[in-house]
Amino acid sequence: MTYEVIARKWRPQQFSDVVGQDHVVQTLENALASGRIASAYLFVGPRGIGKTSIARIFAKALNCETGVTATPCDTCDNCREIMASTSLDVMEIDGASNNRVDEVRDLRETVRYAPAHGRFKLIIIDEVHMLSNSAFNALLKTLEEPPAHVKFFFATTEPHKIPATIISRCQRFDLRRIAESEIIERLALIAKDEKVKIDDDALLAIARGSEGGLRDAESALDQLIAFRGKKISEADVLQVFGLVSRRTLDELSEGILAGEMASIIGQVDALEQAGKDLQRLVLELMDGFRNRLVSAYTGEEGESVDAERLLRICDILSDADERMRFSLSKRILLETALVRCARAARVATLEELIVQINALKAGGGVVTMAEAPAAAAPAPTVARRAAPPAAATAAPPQPAAPQKPATAKPKQVAPAGDELATLQAQWSKIVAHAGRIAVAVQGALKDACPSGVEGDTVHIDFDPEFATELSLFESPRNRKAVERSLANVLKRPVTATFQVGKERPAQVAETRAPEEEYSVDVETPAAPEPQPTRKGNAQAWKQRDEVKQVLDMFNGTIVDVRE
């Protein structure tokens, strides 16, 4: 007996056999049940998802001897002839090889005659976008006013190439790529019927490689059975189709985020020596970073990478994918792209720079949230008492000594154990961090301020005029974003409560203007008060630690000083 490939053997014969296209199947079944059958149907979608199979099932449903039904019998002569592609009333035409106007004119003559055995004469044109413009024009009138016994079914992967005048005369159905879980389920059923032992990782690898096309997955399984027989592992799939394992993808992604250039180059070399598809590798890396990006914005997982960095990485990989299609040296292009990704992952984002600048303005220096209170504890009074002699001996434009961030911060953030003071000092950074997890909360938190810490509970007060914003934090995702940001500062899990406060204006004055509070303390030395010349003032500002850090950060210079 002649061998029949899996893709043909398991081709759907009933609407119930079609995988992943429920929206199309339900519409067609309802049309058959109600008798609302159009003269032309257009099925759109990528390869191997069931466009032509649905058209053939529909043809059986219309010409089945038991009557027009959504469940053809598959046993009558008409059904068996359609299944065997020998029916005189069903013409299946390849648009790529029958695209000339003369062939369409012949088709117009054919459809004038009544069907030989069935109720309808059915015309199925696959890859209809390949028809020439003249052929489309010749088909237009017949499609607009077809004989009552003629039905057209068009299938295409590129609907944008079909004239709008043709599409407007059809009922269009957009078929979707089939989900990996549905492909795995169907492949497991086929493997069980074929008495093939295949592990779950191998099924997942086949589903990944098929890119949503069930026919591609079935053909791959057929090839693997020929390669390995009745026992198939993930390594066999990766070897035959040049795919990369999930573990390798994860290791490469982590190397990119960690900026490990040598590791990245070594992994690319190993993959290229193993014969892996580098173009495919880029697409799978993009998919992995896309998942991280979604996680960073939704806050569903503990994603620690900033979303802006992930966006830059995705842009670089997308550009590399486009360029690799036309490159003769894919490896070099891939290596340079991954090195750029690693650099993008380590460069500070604009939001982080703004947070650091705000911290400098607050007198906190460019330090981590955990370091600020610890670095500030021991010596506030010593530093401030030492400041007046320095100010007296130096020239007037030298106010740097009493204004160092390390000496100003302890005045704001009291003793090391004072967690409330820590939260108040770092509130702008907490707001920015929470906004990266849940964008909606950032604006609301700017109108709030922490008012107390009791055990594992942090109380956050809103001014009465912003009381309506409390409803925003009824959402578990928004509440979780704030609690994660608070825990990042306090280094322990906490619960946030939101309430309307009465004394927030005073708190805001304390937390948002530490430099003003400090200026009151240092007014006793009269030296920093006089206004020096602009040239001398610029030199004085250059000596300040926070200004030095900003200049180094942006590689800038002071152009002008205005006070």
Protein backbone atom coordinates (compact mmCIF):
# COMPACT_ATOMS: atom_id res chain seq x y z
CA MET A 1 0.00 0.00 0.00
CA THR A 2 1.30 3.48 -0.91
CA TYR A 3 2.50 5.49 2.10
CA GLU A 4 0.48 8.61 2.86
CA VAL A 5 2.26 11.48 4.58
CA ILE A 6 0.98 12.58 7.99
CA ALA A 7 -0.14 16.01 6.74
CA ARG A 8 -2.52 14.40 4.21
CA LYS A 9 -3.53 11.50 6.39
CA TRP A 10 -4.57 13.85 9.21
CA ARG A 11 -6.10 16.56 7.00
CA PRO A 12 -9.39 17.75 8.56
CA GLN A 13 -12.49 16.17 7.01
CA GLN A 14 -15.06 17.77 9.30
CA PHE A 15 -15.43 21.26 10.73
CA SER A 16 -14.91 19.74 14.17
CA ASP A 17 -11.44 18.54 13.09
CA VAL A 18 -10.21 22.06 12.26
CA VAL A 19 -7.73 23.29 14.89
CA GLY A 20 -7.57 26.85 16.19
CA GLN A 21 -10.11 28.48 13.84
CA ASP A 22 -13.28 28.39 15.91
CA HIS A 23 -14.40 31.86 14.82
CA VAL A 24 -14.43 30.81 11.16
CA VAL A 25 -15.93 27.36 11.72
CA GLN A 26 -18.81 28.69 13.82
CA THR A 27 -19.71 31.33 11.21
CA LEU A 28 -19.75 28.81 8.37
CA GLU A 29 -21.77 26.28 10.36
CA ASN A 30 -24.36 28.93 11.17
CA ALA A 31 -24.50 30.00 7.52
CA LEU A 32 -25.15 26.40 6.44
CA ALA A 33 -27.81 25.91 9.11
CA SER A 34 -29.65 29.12 8.20
CA GLY A 35 -29.18 28.86 4.42
CA ARG A 36 -27.35 32.21 4.23
CA ILE A 37 -24.71 31.03 1.77
CA ALA A 38 -22.72 33.71 -0.08
CA SER A 39 -21.53 33.43 -3.66
CA ALA A 40 -17.84 33.96 -2.81
CA TYR A 41 -15.61 33.42 0.24
CA LEU A 42 -12.07 34.67 0.83
CA PHE A 43 -9.87 32.86 3.39
CA VAL A 44 -6.81 34.83 4.51
CA GLY A 45 -3.88 33.72 6.66
CA PRO A 46 -0.35 32.28 6.75
CA ARG A 47 0.53 28.87 5.35
CA GLY A 48 -0.54 25.60 6.87
CA ILE A 49 -3.42 26.77 9.07
CA GLY A 50 -6.40 25.29 7.19
CA LYS A 51 -7.57 27.72 4.48
CA THR A 52 -7.95 25.18 1.66
CA SER A 53 -9.07 22.43 4.04
CA ILE A 54 -11.98 24.58 5.24
CA ALA A 55 -12.93 25.32 1.61
CA ARG A 56 -12.99 21.58 0.80
CA ILE A 57 -15.09 20.78 3.89
CA PHE A 58 -17.50 23.55 2.89
CA ALA A 59 -17.70 22.07 -0.61
CA LYS A 60 -18.63 18.66 0.87
CA ALA A 61 -21.21 20.31 3.11
CA LEU A 62 -22.89 21.92 0.08
CA ASN A 63 -22.85 18.87 -2.20
CA CYS A 64 -23.36 16.03 0.29
CA GLU A 65 -26.17 13.69 -0.87
CA THR A 66 -27.78 13.86 2.60
CA GLY A 67 -28.46 17.56 2.03
CA VAL A 68 -26.81 20.88 2.84
CA THR A 69 -25.38 20.26 6.29
CA ALA A 70 -22.55 21.33 8.58
CA THR A 71 -21.62 17.65 9.09
CA PRO A 72 -21.14 15.96 5.68
CA CYS A 73 -21.39 12.17 5.77
CA ASP A 74 -18.01 11.40 4.09
CA THR A 75 -19.57 8.18 2.74
CA CYS A 76 -21.68 9.24 -0.23
CA ASP A 77 -20.26 9.41 -3.75
CA ASN A 78 -20.03 13.20 -3.80
CA CYS A 79 -18.16 13.36 -0.49
CA ARG A 80 -15.74 10.60 -1.46
CA GLU A 81 -15.04 12.21 -4.84
CA ILE A 82 -14.30 15.57 -3.22
CA MET A 83 -12.02 13.88 -0.67
CA ALA A 84 -10.18 12.14 -3.52
CA SER A 85 -10.02 15.35 -5.63
CA THR A 86 -11.84 13.62 -8.53
CA SER A 87 -15.19 15.43 -8.38
CA LEU A 88 -16.36 17.00 -11.65
CA ASP A 89 -18.26 19.65 -9.72
CA VAL A 90 -15.34 20.86 -7.59
CA MET A 91 -12.48 22.57 -9.43
CA GLU A 92 -9.36 23.26 -7.34
CA ILE A 93 -7.09 25.67 -9.20
CA ASP A 94 -3.57 26.90 -8.36
CA GLY A 95 -3.56 30.64 -8.90
CA ALA A 96 0.21 30.74 -9.35
CA SER A 97 0.20 28.48 -12.44
CA ASN A 98 -3.17 29.52 -13.87
CA ASN A 99 -2.87 33.26 -13.62
CA ARG A 100 -3.36 34.38 -17.22
CA VAL A 101 -6.46 36.09 -18.51
CA ASP A 102 -7.11 33.32 -21.10
CA GLU A 103 -7.40 30.69 -18.36
CA VAL A 104 -9.86 32.84 -16.40
CA ARG A 105 -11.94 33.26 -19.57
CA ASP A 106 -12.05 29.48 -19.93
CA LEU A 107 -13.19 29.30 -16.31
CA ARG A 108 -16.00 31.74 -17.05
CA GLU A 109 -17.21 29.49 -19.84
CA THR A 110 -17.05 26.44 -17.57
CA VAL A 111 -19.18 27.88 -14.80
CA ARG A 112 -22.03 28.55 -17.22
CA TYR A 113 -22.86 24.85 -17.32
CA ALA A 114 -24.86 23.11 -14.60
CA PRO A 115 -23.09 20.78 -12.15
CA ALA A 116 -22.75 17.14 -13.17
CA HIS A 117 -23.83 15.41 -9.93
CA GLY A 118 -24.09 17.82 -7.01
CA ARG A 119 -26.17 20.88 -6.25
CA PHE A 120 -23.39 23.41 -6.88
CA LYS A 121 -20.35 23.87 -9.06
CA LEU A 122 -17.61 24.91 -6.66
CA ILE A 123 -14.44 26.77 -7.69
CA ILE A 124 -11.50 26.76 -5.23
CA ILE A 125 -8.60 29.06 -6.23
CA ASP A 126 -5.53 28.75 -4.01
CA GLU A 127 -3.01 31.64 -3.85
CA VAL A 128 -5.51 33.83 -5.68
CA HIS A 129 -3.27 36.89 -5.25
CA MET A 130 -1.03 35.47 -7.99
CA LEU A 131 -3.61 36.19 -10.70
CA SER A 132 -2.71 39.02 -13.05
CA ASN A 133 -4.67 42.26 -13.11
CA SER A 134 -6.21 41.29 -16.44
CA ALA A 135 -7.30 37.95 -14.97
CA PHE A 136 -8.90 39.71 -11.99
CA ASN A 137 -10.73 42.06 -14.34
CA ALA A 138 -11.98 39.13 -16.41
CA LEU A 139 -13.26 37.45 -13.24
CA LEU A 140 -14.90 40.56 -11.84
CA LYS A 141 -18.24 40.42 -13.68
CA THR A 142 -18.74 36.70 -13.07
CA LEU A 143 -17.95 37.20 -9.39
CA GLU A 144 -20.41 40.08 -9.11
CA GLU A 145 -23.34 38.24 -10.75
CA PRO A 146 -22.52 34.52 -10.66
CA PRO A 147 -24.98 31.82 -11.73
CA ALA A 148 -27.05 30.50 -8.84
CA HIS A 149 -25.31 27.11 -8.96
CA VAL A 150 -21.73 28.51 -8.66
CA LYS A 151 -19.78 29.23 -5.47
CA PHE A 152 -16.24 30.61 -5.31
CA PHE A 153 -13.66 29.94 -2.60
CA PHE A 154 -10.43 31.96 -2.62
CA ALA A 155 -7.39 31.33 -0.40
CA THR A 156 -4.43 33.67 -0.06
CA THR A 157 -1.48 34.52 2.18
CA GLU A 158 -1.16 38.09 0.79
CA PRO A 159 -4.57 39.79 0.69
CA HIS A 160 -3.07 43.22 0.03
CA LYS A 161 -2.26 42.08 -3.52
CA ILE A 162 -5.91 41.37 -4.31
CA PRO A 163 -7.86 44.30 -5.86
CA ALA A 164 -10.37 45.93 -3.53
CA THR A 165 -13.10 45.35 -6.13
CA ILE A 166 -12.61 41.58 -5.71
CA ILE A 167 -12.46 41.65 -1.90
CA SER A 168 -15.64 43.73 -1.70
CA ARG A 169 -17.55 40.95 -3.50
CA CYS A 170 -16.44 38.25 -1.04
CA GLN A 171 -17.05 37.34 2.56
CA ARG A 172 -13.60 37.61 4.12
CA PHE A 173 -12.37 35.33 6.91
CA ASP A 174 -9.00 35.97 8.57
CA LEU A 175 -7.55 32.75 9.93
CA ARG A 176 -5.13 32.92 12.86
CA ARG A 177 -1.83 31.27 13.57
CA ILE A 178 -2.46 28.19 15.67
CA ALA A 179 -1.36 28.38 19.29
CA GLU A 180 1.59 26.25 20.42
CA SER A 181 -0.57 24.45 22.98
CA GLU A 182 -3.06 23.37 20.28
CA ILE A 183 -0.27 22.20 17.98
CA ILE A 184 1.30 20.19 20.82
CA GLU A 185 -2.05 18.60 21.60
CA ARG A 186 -2.60 17.55 17.97
CA LEU A 187 0.98 16.24 17.58
CA ALA A 188 0.63 14.18 20.76
CA LEU A 189 -2.56 12.64 19.34
CA ILE A 190 -0.82 11.83 16.05
CA ALA A 191 2.23 10.37 17.83
CA LYS A 192 -0.01 8.14 19.94
CA ASP A 193 -1.82 6.88 16.84
CA GLU A 194 1.49 6.28 15.04
CA LYS A 195 2.90 4.52 18.15
CA VAL A 196 5.76 7.01 18.43
CA LYS A 197 7.28 7.89 21.82
CA ILE A 198 8.14 11.61 21.90
CA ASP A 199 8.87 13.72 24.98
CA ASP A 200 7.15 16.99 25.81
CA ASP A 201 10.22 19.13 25.16
CA ALA A 202 10.47 17.70 21.65
CA LEU A 203 6.81 18.52 20.99
CA LEU A 204 7.39 22.06 22.23
CA ALA A 205 10.43 22.45 19.98
CA ILE A 206 8.44 21.29 16.95
CA ALA A 207 5.61 23.69 17.80
CA ARG A 208 8.10 26.57 18.14
CA GLY A 209 9.67 25.77 14.80
CA SER A 210 6.32 25.58 12.98
CA GLU A 211 5.50 29.25 13.73
CA GLY A 212 1.80 28.56 14.13
CA GLY A 213 1.42 26.31 11.06
CA LEU A 214 -0.01 22.89 11.86
CA ARG A 215 0.94 21.46 8.47
CA ASP A 216 4.57 22.45 9.02
CA ALA A 217 4.50 20.77 12.43
CA GLU A 218 3.03 17.57 10.98
CA SER A 219 5.63 17.52 8.20
CA ALA A 220 8.39 18.01 10.79
CA LEU A 221 7.07 15.10 12.85
CA ASP A 222 6.98 12.95 9.74
CA GLN A 223 10.62 13.79 9.01
CA LEU A 224 11.69 13.07 12.59
CA ILE A 225 10.02 9.66 12.52
CA ALA A 226 12.02 8.88 9.38
CA PHE A 227 15.17 10.13 11.13
CA ARG A 228 14.84 8.50 14.59
CA GLY A 229 12.11 5.94 14.29
CA LYS A 230 9.70 5.43 17.16
CA LYS A 231 11.58 7.38 19.86
CA ILE A 232 12.21 11.11 19.49
CA SER A 233 13.88 13.53 21.93
CA GLU A 234 14.33 17.29 22.02
CA ALA A 235 17.96 16.96 20.92
CA ASP A 236 16.79 15.23 17.73
CA VAL A 237 14.46 18.10 16.91
CA LEU A 238 17.13 20.73 17.56
CA GLN A 239 19.66 18.82 15.46
CA VAL A 240 17.42 18.28 12.45
CA PHE A 241 15.90 21.77 12.23
CA GLY A 242 18.73 23.94 13.53
CA LEU A 243 16.76 25.26 16.49
CA VAL A 244 18.21 26.48 19.80
CA SER A 245 17.15 25.06 23.15
CA ARG A 246 15.31 27.17 25.69
CA ARG A 247 18.19 26.83 28.13
CA THR A 248 20.66 28.23 25.60
CA LEU A 249 18.31 31.11 24.79
CA ASP A 250 17.96 31.94 28.49
CA GLU A 251 21.73 31.84 29.02
CA LEU A 252 22.33 34.11 26.03
CA SER A 253 19.65 36.54 27.21
CA GLU A 254 21.13 36.70 30.69
CA GLY A 255 24.58 37.27 29.21
CA ILE A 256 23.23 40.21 27.20
CA LEU A 257 21.57 41.77 30.25
CA ALA A 258 24.74 41.27 32.32
CA GLY A 259 26.95 42.80 29.61
CA GLU A 260 29.18 39.71 29.37
CA MET A 261 30.69 40.35 25.94
CA ALA A 262 33.10 37.40 25.94
CA SER A 263 30.34 34.98 26.89
CA ILE A 264 28.08 36.32 24.14
CA ILE A 265 30.75 35.96 21.43
CA GLY A 266 31.61 32.45 22.64
CA GLN A 267 27.98 31.32 22.57
CA VAL A 268 27.43 32.69 19.06
CA ASP A 269 30.56 30.85 17.90
CA ALA A 270 29.35 27.58 19.44
CA LEU A 271 25.90 27.94 17.86
CA GLU A 272 27.38 28.74 14.44
CA GLN A 273 29.72 25.74 14.66
CA ALA A 274 26.73 23.55 15.56
CA GLY A 275 24.95 24.66 12.39
CA LYS A 276 22.14 26.56 14.09
CA ASP A 277 19.96 28.96 12.13
CA LEU A 278 21.24 32.38 13.21
CA GLN A 279 18.32 34.19 11.60
CA ARG A 280 15.95 32.05 13.61
CA LEU A 281 18.03 32.74 16.74
CA VAL A 282 17.41 36.48 16.39
CA LEU A 283 13.65 35.95 16.12
CA GLU A 284 13.58 33.74 19.22
CA LEU A 285 15.66 36.26 21.19
CA MET A 286 13.22 38.98 20.16
CA ASP A 287 10.34 36.82 21.36
CA GLY A 288 12.05 36.25 24.72
CA PHE A 289 12.79 39.94 25.30
CA ARG A 290 9.26 40.80 24.20
CA ASN A 291 7.96 38.53 26.99
CA ARG A 292 10.26 40.28 29.47
CA LEU A 293 8.99 43.65 28.24
CA VAL A 294 5.36 42.63 28.80
CA SER A 295 6.29 41.37 32.26
CA ALA A 296 8.03 44.65 33.09
CA TYR A 297 4.98 46.70 32.18
CA THR A 298 2.29 44.44 33.66
CA GLY A 299 4.16 43.64 36.87
CA GLU A 300 2.90 40.05 36.77
CA GLU A 301 6.39 38.67 37.42
CA GLY A 302 9.42 39.94 39.31
CA GLU A 303 11.07 41.49 36.27
CA SER A 304 14.06 43.52 37.44
CA VAL A 305 15.16 44.91 34.06
CA ASP A 306 14.00 48.39 33.16
CA ALA A 307 11.44 48.51 30.35
CA GLU A 308 13.35 51.21 28.46
CA ARG A 309 16.41 48.96 28.23
CA LEU A 310 14.26 46.12 26.91
CA LEU A 311 12.74 48.42 24.30
CA ARG A 312 16.22 49.39 23.07
CA ILE A 313 17.24 45.73 22.88
CA CYS A 314 14.11 44.83 20.89
CA ASP A 315 14.78 47.70 18.47
CA ILE A 316 18.38 46.53 17.90
CA LEU A 317 17.29 42.91 17.31
CA SER A 318 14.51 44.00 14.94
CA ASP A 319 17.00 46.02 12.90
CA ALA A 320 19.43 43.08 12.88
CA ASP A 321 16.72 40.71 11.68
CA GLU A 322 15.91 42.98 8.75
CA ARG A 323 19.57 43.40 7.78
CA MET A 324 20.42 39.70 8.13
CA ARG A 325 17.91 38.83 5.40
CA PHE A 326 20.21 40.43 2.84
CA SER A 327 23.60 39.85 4.49
CA LEU A 328 26.19 37.32 3.35
CA SER A 329 27.93 37.37 6.75
CA LYS A 330 25.14 36.69 9.23
CA ARG A 331 27.50 35.77 12.06
CA ILE A 332 29.35 39.10 12.09
CA LEU A 333 26.10 41.02 11.90
CA LEU A 334 24.64 38.96 14.75
CA GLU A 335 27.71 39.40 16.96
CA THR A 336 27.75 43.17 16.51
CA ALA A 337 24.01 43.35 17.17
CA LEU A 338 24.30 41.34 20.41
CA VAL A 339 27.24 43.48 21.60
CA ARG A 340 25.09 46.57 20.99
CA CYS A 341 22.30 44.92 22.95
CA ALA A 342 24.66 44.23 25.85
CA ARG A 343 25.78 47.86 25.88
CA ALA A 344 22.18 49.07 25.72
CA ALA A 345 21.34 46.87 28.70
CA ARG A 346 24.01 48.53 30.85
CA VAL A 347 23.47 52.18 29.87
CA ALA A 348 21.36 54.24 32.26
CA THR A 349 17.96 55.25 30.96
CA LEU A 350 16.68 58.82 30.91
CA GLU A 351 14.26 58.10 33.74
CA GLU A 352 17.08 56.77 35.92
CA LEU A 353 19.19 59.83 35.19
CA ILE A 354 16.31 62.09 36.17
CA VAL A 355 15.91 60.17 39.44
CA GLN A 356 19.62 60.56 40.16
CA ILE A 357 19.51 64.27 39.38
CA ASN A 358 16.55 64.69 41.70
CA ALA A 359 18.51 62.85 44.37
CA LEU A 360 21.41 65.26 43.85
CA LYS A 361 19.06 68.21 44.17
CA ALA A 362 17.78 66.75 47.42
CA GLY A 363 21.35 66.54 48.69
CA GLY A 364 21.46 62.75 48.62
CA GLY A 365 24.22 62.11 46.11
CA VAL A 366 24.18 59.41 43.48
CA VAL A 367 23.83 56.41 45.75
CA THR A 368 21.54 53.46 45.99
CA MET A 369 18.40 53.66 48.08
CA ALA A 370 19.86 51.35 50.71
CA GLU A 371 23.16 53.20 50.95
CA ALA A 372 21.85 56.69 51.64
CA PRO A 373 20.78 56.28 55.29
CA ALA A 374 23.82 54.19 56.24
CA ALA A 375 26.33 56.59 54.77
CA ALA A 376 24.77 59.50 56.59
CA ALA A 377 24.70 58.37 60.21
CA PRO A 378 27.74 59.38 62.27
CA ALA A 379 29.00 62.86 61.57
CA PRO A 380 26.52 65.61 60.89
CA THR A 381 27.58 67.97 63.71
CA VAL A 382 31.31 67.52 63.16
CA ALA A 383 31.02 68.33 59.49
CA ARG A 384 28.90 71.41 60.12
CA ARG A 385 31.12 72.77 62.85
CA ALA A 386 34.15 72.36 60.68
CA ALA A 387 32.50 74.28 57.89
CA PRO A 388 32.74 77.88 59.21
CA PRO A 389 36.57 78.01 59.43
CA ALA A 390 36.81 76.63 55.93
CA ALA A 391 34.37 79.21 54.69
CA ALA A 392 36.23 82.01 56.49
CA THR A 393 39.64 81.17 55.08
CA ALA A 394 38.48 80.51 51.57
CA ALA A 395 37.46 83.05 48.98
CA PRO A 396 33.75 83.97 48.95
CA PRO A 397 32.96 81.76 45.92
CA GLN A 398 33.86 78.65 47.92
CA PRO A 399 30.62 77.42 49.57
CA ALA A 400 31.42 73.81 48.80
CA ALA A 401 32.45 72.58 52.27
CA PRO A 402 29.16 73.01 54.15
CA GLN A 403 27.08 71.90 51.14
CA LYS A 404 28.47 68.39 50.57
CA PRO A 405 25.69 65.87 50.07
CA ALA A 406 27.16 63.46 52.64
CA THR A 407 26.84 66.14 55.36
CA ALA A 408 23.47 67.55 54.32
CA LYS A 409 21.66 64.21 54.05
CA PRO A 410 21.83 63.17 57.76
CA LYS A 411 19.87 66.28 58.71
CA GLN A 412 16.99 65.05 56.50
CA VAL A 413 17.11 61.29 57.12
CA ALA A 414 17.57 60.99 60.86
CA PRO A 415 19.07 57.88 62.56
CA ALA A 416 19.77 54.68 60.67
CA GLY A 417 16.70 52.89 62.03
CA ASP A 418 14.24 55.61 61.05
CA GLU A 419 12.47 53.94 58.11
CA LEU A 420 9.91 56.71 57.72
CA ALA A 421 12.65 59.27 57.15
CA THR A 422 14.23 56.92 54.60
CA LEU A 423 10.96 56.64 52.67
CA GLN A 424 10.39 60.37 52.73
CA ALA A 425 13.91 61.10 51.51
CA GLN A 426 13.65 58.58 48.68
CA TRP A 427 9.99 59.23 47.79
CA SER A 428 10.68 60.62 44.28
CA LYS A 429 12.70 57.54 43.45
CA ILE A 430 9.98 55.26 44.83
CA VAL A 431 7.40 57.06 42.66
CA ALA A 432 9.53 56.62 39.54
CA HIS A 433 10.15 52.93 40.29
CA ALA A 434 6.44 52.24 40.85
CA GLY A 435 5.59 54.11 37.65
CA ARG A 436 7.78 51.78 35.63
CA ILE A 437 5.78 48.82 36.94
CA ALA A 438 2.30 50.39 36.69
CA VAL A 439 2.25 53.64 34.73
CA ALA A 440 -1.11 54.77 36.13
CA VAL A 441 0.15 55.16 39.71
CA GLN A 442 3.02 57.54 39.04
CA GLY A 443 0.92 60.68 38.72
CA ALA A 444 -1.20 59.79 41.75
CA LEU A 445 1.78 59.08 44.01
CA LYS A 446 3.20 62.53 43.28
CA ASP A 447 0.23 63.88 45.25
CA ALA A 448 0.94 61.61 48.24
CA CYS A 449 3.57 61.17 50.95
CA PRO A 450 4.42 58.39 53.46
CA SER A 451 3.20 59.32 56.94
CA GLY A 452 4.14 56.37 59.11
CA VAL A 453 5.61 52.87 59.37
CA GLU A 454 4.04 50.39 61.78
CA GLY A 455 5.59 46.94 61.65
CA ASP A 456 5.09 45.65 58.11
CA THR A 457 2.59 48.37 57.19
CA VAL A 458 3.45 51.69 55.51
CA HIS A 459 0.81 54.44 55.71
CA ILE A 460 0.59 56.76 52.70
CA ASP A 461 -1.42 60.00 53.03
CA PHE A 462 -3.18 61.97 50.30
CA ASP A 463 -4.18 65.61 50.58
CA PRO A 464 -8.00 65.92 50.93
CA GLU A 465 -8.30 67.54 47.50
CA PHE A 466 -6.79 64.39 45.94
CA ALA A 467 -8.96 61.94 47.89
CA THR A 468 -10.54 60.64 44.68
CA GLU A 469 -7.20 59.12 43.68
CA LEU A 470 -7.49 56.54 46.49
CA SER A 471 -9.75 54.44 44.25
CA LEU A 472 -6.82 53.90 41.91
CA PHE A 473 -5.10 51.75 44.52
CA GLU A 474 -8.02 49.37 44.86
CA SER A 475 -6.50 47.57 41.88
CA PRO A 476 -4.24 44.73 43.10
CA ARG A 477 -1.71 45.44 40.34
CA ASN A 478 -1.34 49.12 41.29
CA ARG A 479 -1.11 48.31 45.00
CA LYS A 480 1.48 45.61 44.29
CA ALA A 481 3.58 48.08 42.25
CA VAL A 482 3.75 50.47 45.23
CA GLU A 483 4.52 47.71 47.72
CA ARG A 484 7.33 46.35 45.53
CA SER A 485 8.89 49.82 45.31
CA LEU A 486 8.62 50.31 49.08
CA ALA A 487 10.13 46.88 49.71
CA ASN A 488 13.00 47.78 47.40
CA VAL A 489 13.88 50.65 49.74
CA LEU A 490 13.27 48.99 53.10
CA LYS A 491 14.77 45.65 52.00
CA ARG A 492 11.84 43.69 53.40
CA PRO A 493 8.26 42.98 52.30
CA VAL A 494 5.68 45.53 53.42
CA THR A 495 1.99 46.28 52.97
CA ALA A 496 0.82 49.74 51.89
CA THR A 497 -2.31 51.47 53.17
CA PHE A 498 -3.71 54.60 51.51
CA GLN A 499 -5.69 57.25 53.38
CA VAL A 500 -6.62 60.92 53.42
CA GLY A 501 -4.22 62.89 55.60
CA LYS A 502 -4.43 66.34 57.23
CA GLU A 503 -0.83 67.40 57.67
CA ARG A 504 0.62 66.49 54.30
CA PRO A 505 1.70 70.06 53.32
CA ALA A 506 4.17 70.17 56.21
CA GLN A 507 5.44 66.71 55.34
CA VAL A 508 5.91 67.66 51.73
CA ALA A 509 7.89 70.67 52.76
CA GLU A 510 10.17 68.43 54.80
CA THR A 511 10.61 65.70 52.22
CA ARG A 512 10.79 67.67 48.98
CA ALA A 513 12.93 70.60 49.98
CA PRO A 514 15.80 69.33 52.10
CA GLU A 515 18.12 71.86 50.58
CA GLU A 516 15.92 74.67 51.96
CA GLU A 517 16.00 73.19 55.47
CA TYR A 518 19.74 72.89 55.22
CA SER A 519 20.12 76.47 54.07
CA VAL A 520 18.45 77.63 57.30
CA ASP A 521 21.01 75.71 59.38
CA VAL A 522 24.00 77.08 57.54
CA GLU A 523 22.90 80.69 57.49
CA THR A 524 25.08 81.36 60.58
CA PRO A 525 28.30 81.47 58.55
CA ALA A 526 27.92 84.67 56.59
CA ALA A 527 30.53 83.74 54.00
CA PRO A 528 28.37 81.68 51.56
CA GLU A 529 25.72 84.42 51.27
CA PRO A 530 27.47 87.12 49.16
CA GLN A 531 26.83 86.92 45.41
CA PRO A 532 30.15 86.40 43.57
CA THR A 533 30.79 87.20 39.95
CA ARG A 534 29.55 84.76 37.32
CA LYS A 535 33.05 83.67 36.39
CA GLY A 536 33.98 83.02 39.99
CA ASN A 537 30.58 81.49 40.67
CA ALA A 538 31.07 78.94 37.87
CA GLN A 539 34.40 77.90 39.34
CA ALA A 540 32.78 77.54 42.76
CA TRP A 541 29.97 75.38 41.41
CA LYS A 542 32.48 73.11 39.66
CA GLN A 543 33.95 72.24 43.06
CA ARG A 544 30.63 70.93 44.42
CA ASP A 545 30.44 67.14 44.50
CA GLU A 546 26.93 66.88 43.13
CA VAL A 547 27.79 69.19 40.22
CA LYS A 548 30.91 67.15 39.46
CA GLN A 549 28.82 63.99 39.32
CA VAL A 550 26.29 65.54 36.92
CA LEU A 551 29.05 66.90 34.68
CA ASP A 552 30.74 63.49 34.60
CA MET A 553 27.45 61.75 33.95
CA PHE A 554 26.63 63.87 30.88
CA ASN A 555 30.21 64.73 29.89
CA GLY A 556 29.20 68.40 30.05
CA THR A 557 30.53 71.81 30.99
CA ILE A 558 29.07 74.81 32.82
CA VAL A 559 28.02 77.46 30.30
CA ASP A 560 26.30 79.92 32.60
CA VAL A 561 25.27 80.27 36.26
CA ARG A 562 22.11 82.08 37.28
CA GLU A 563 20.87 82.36 40.84
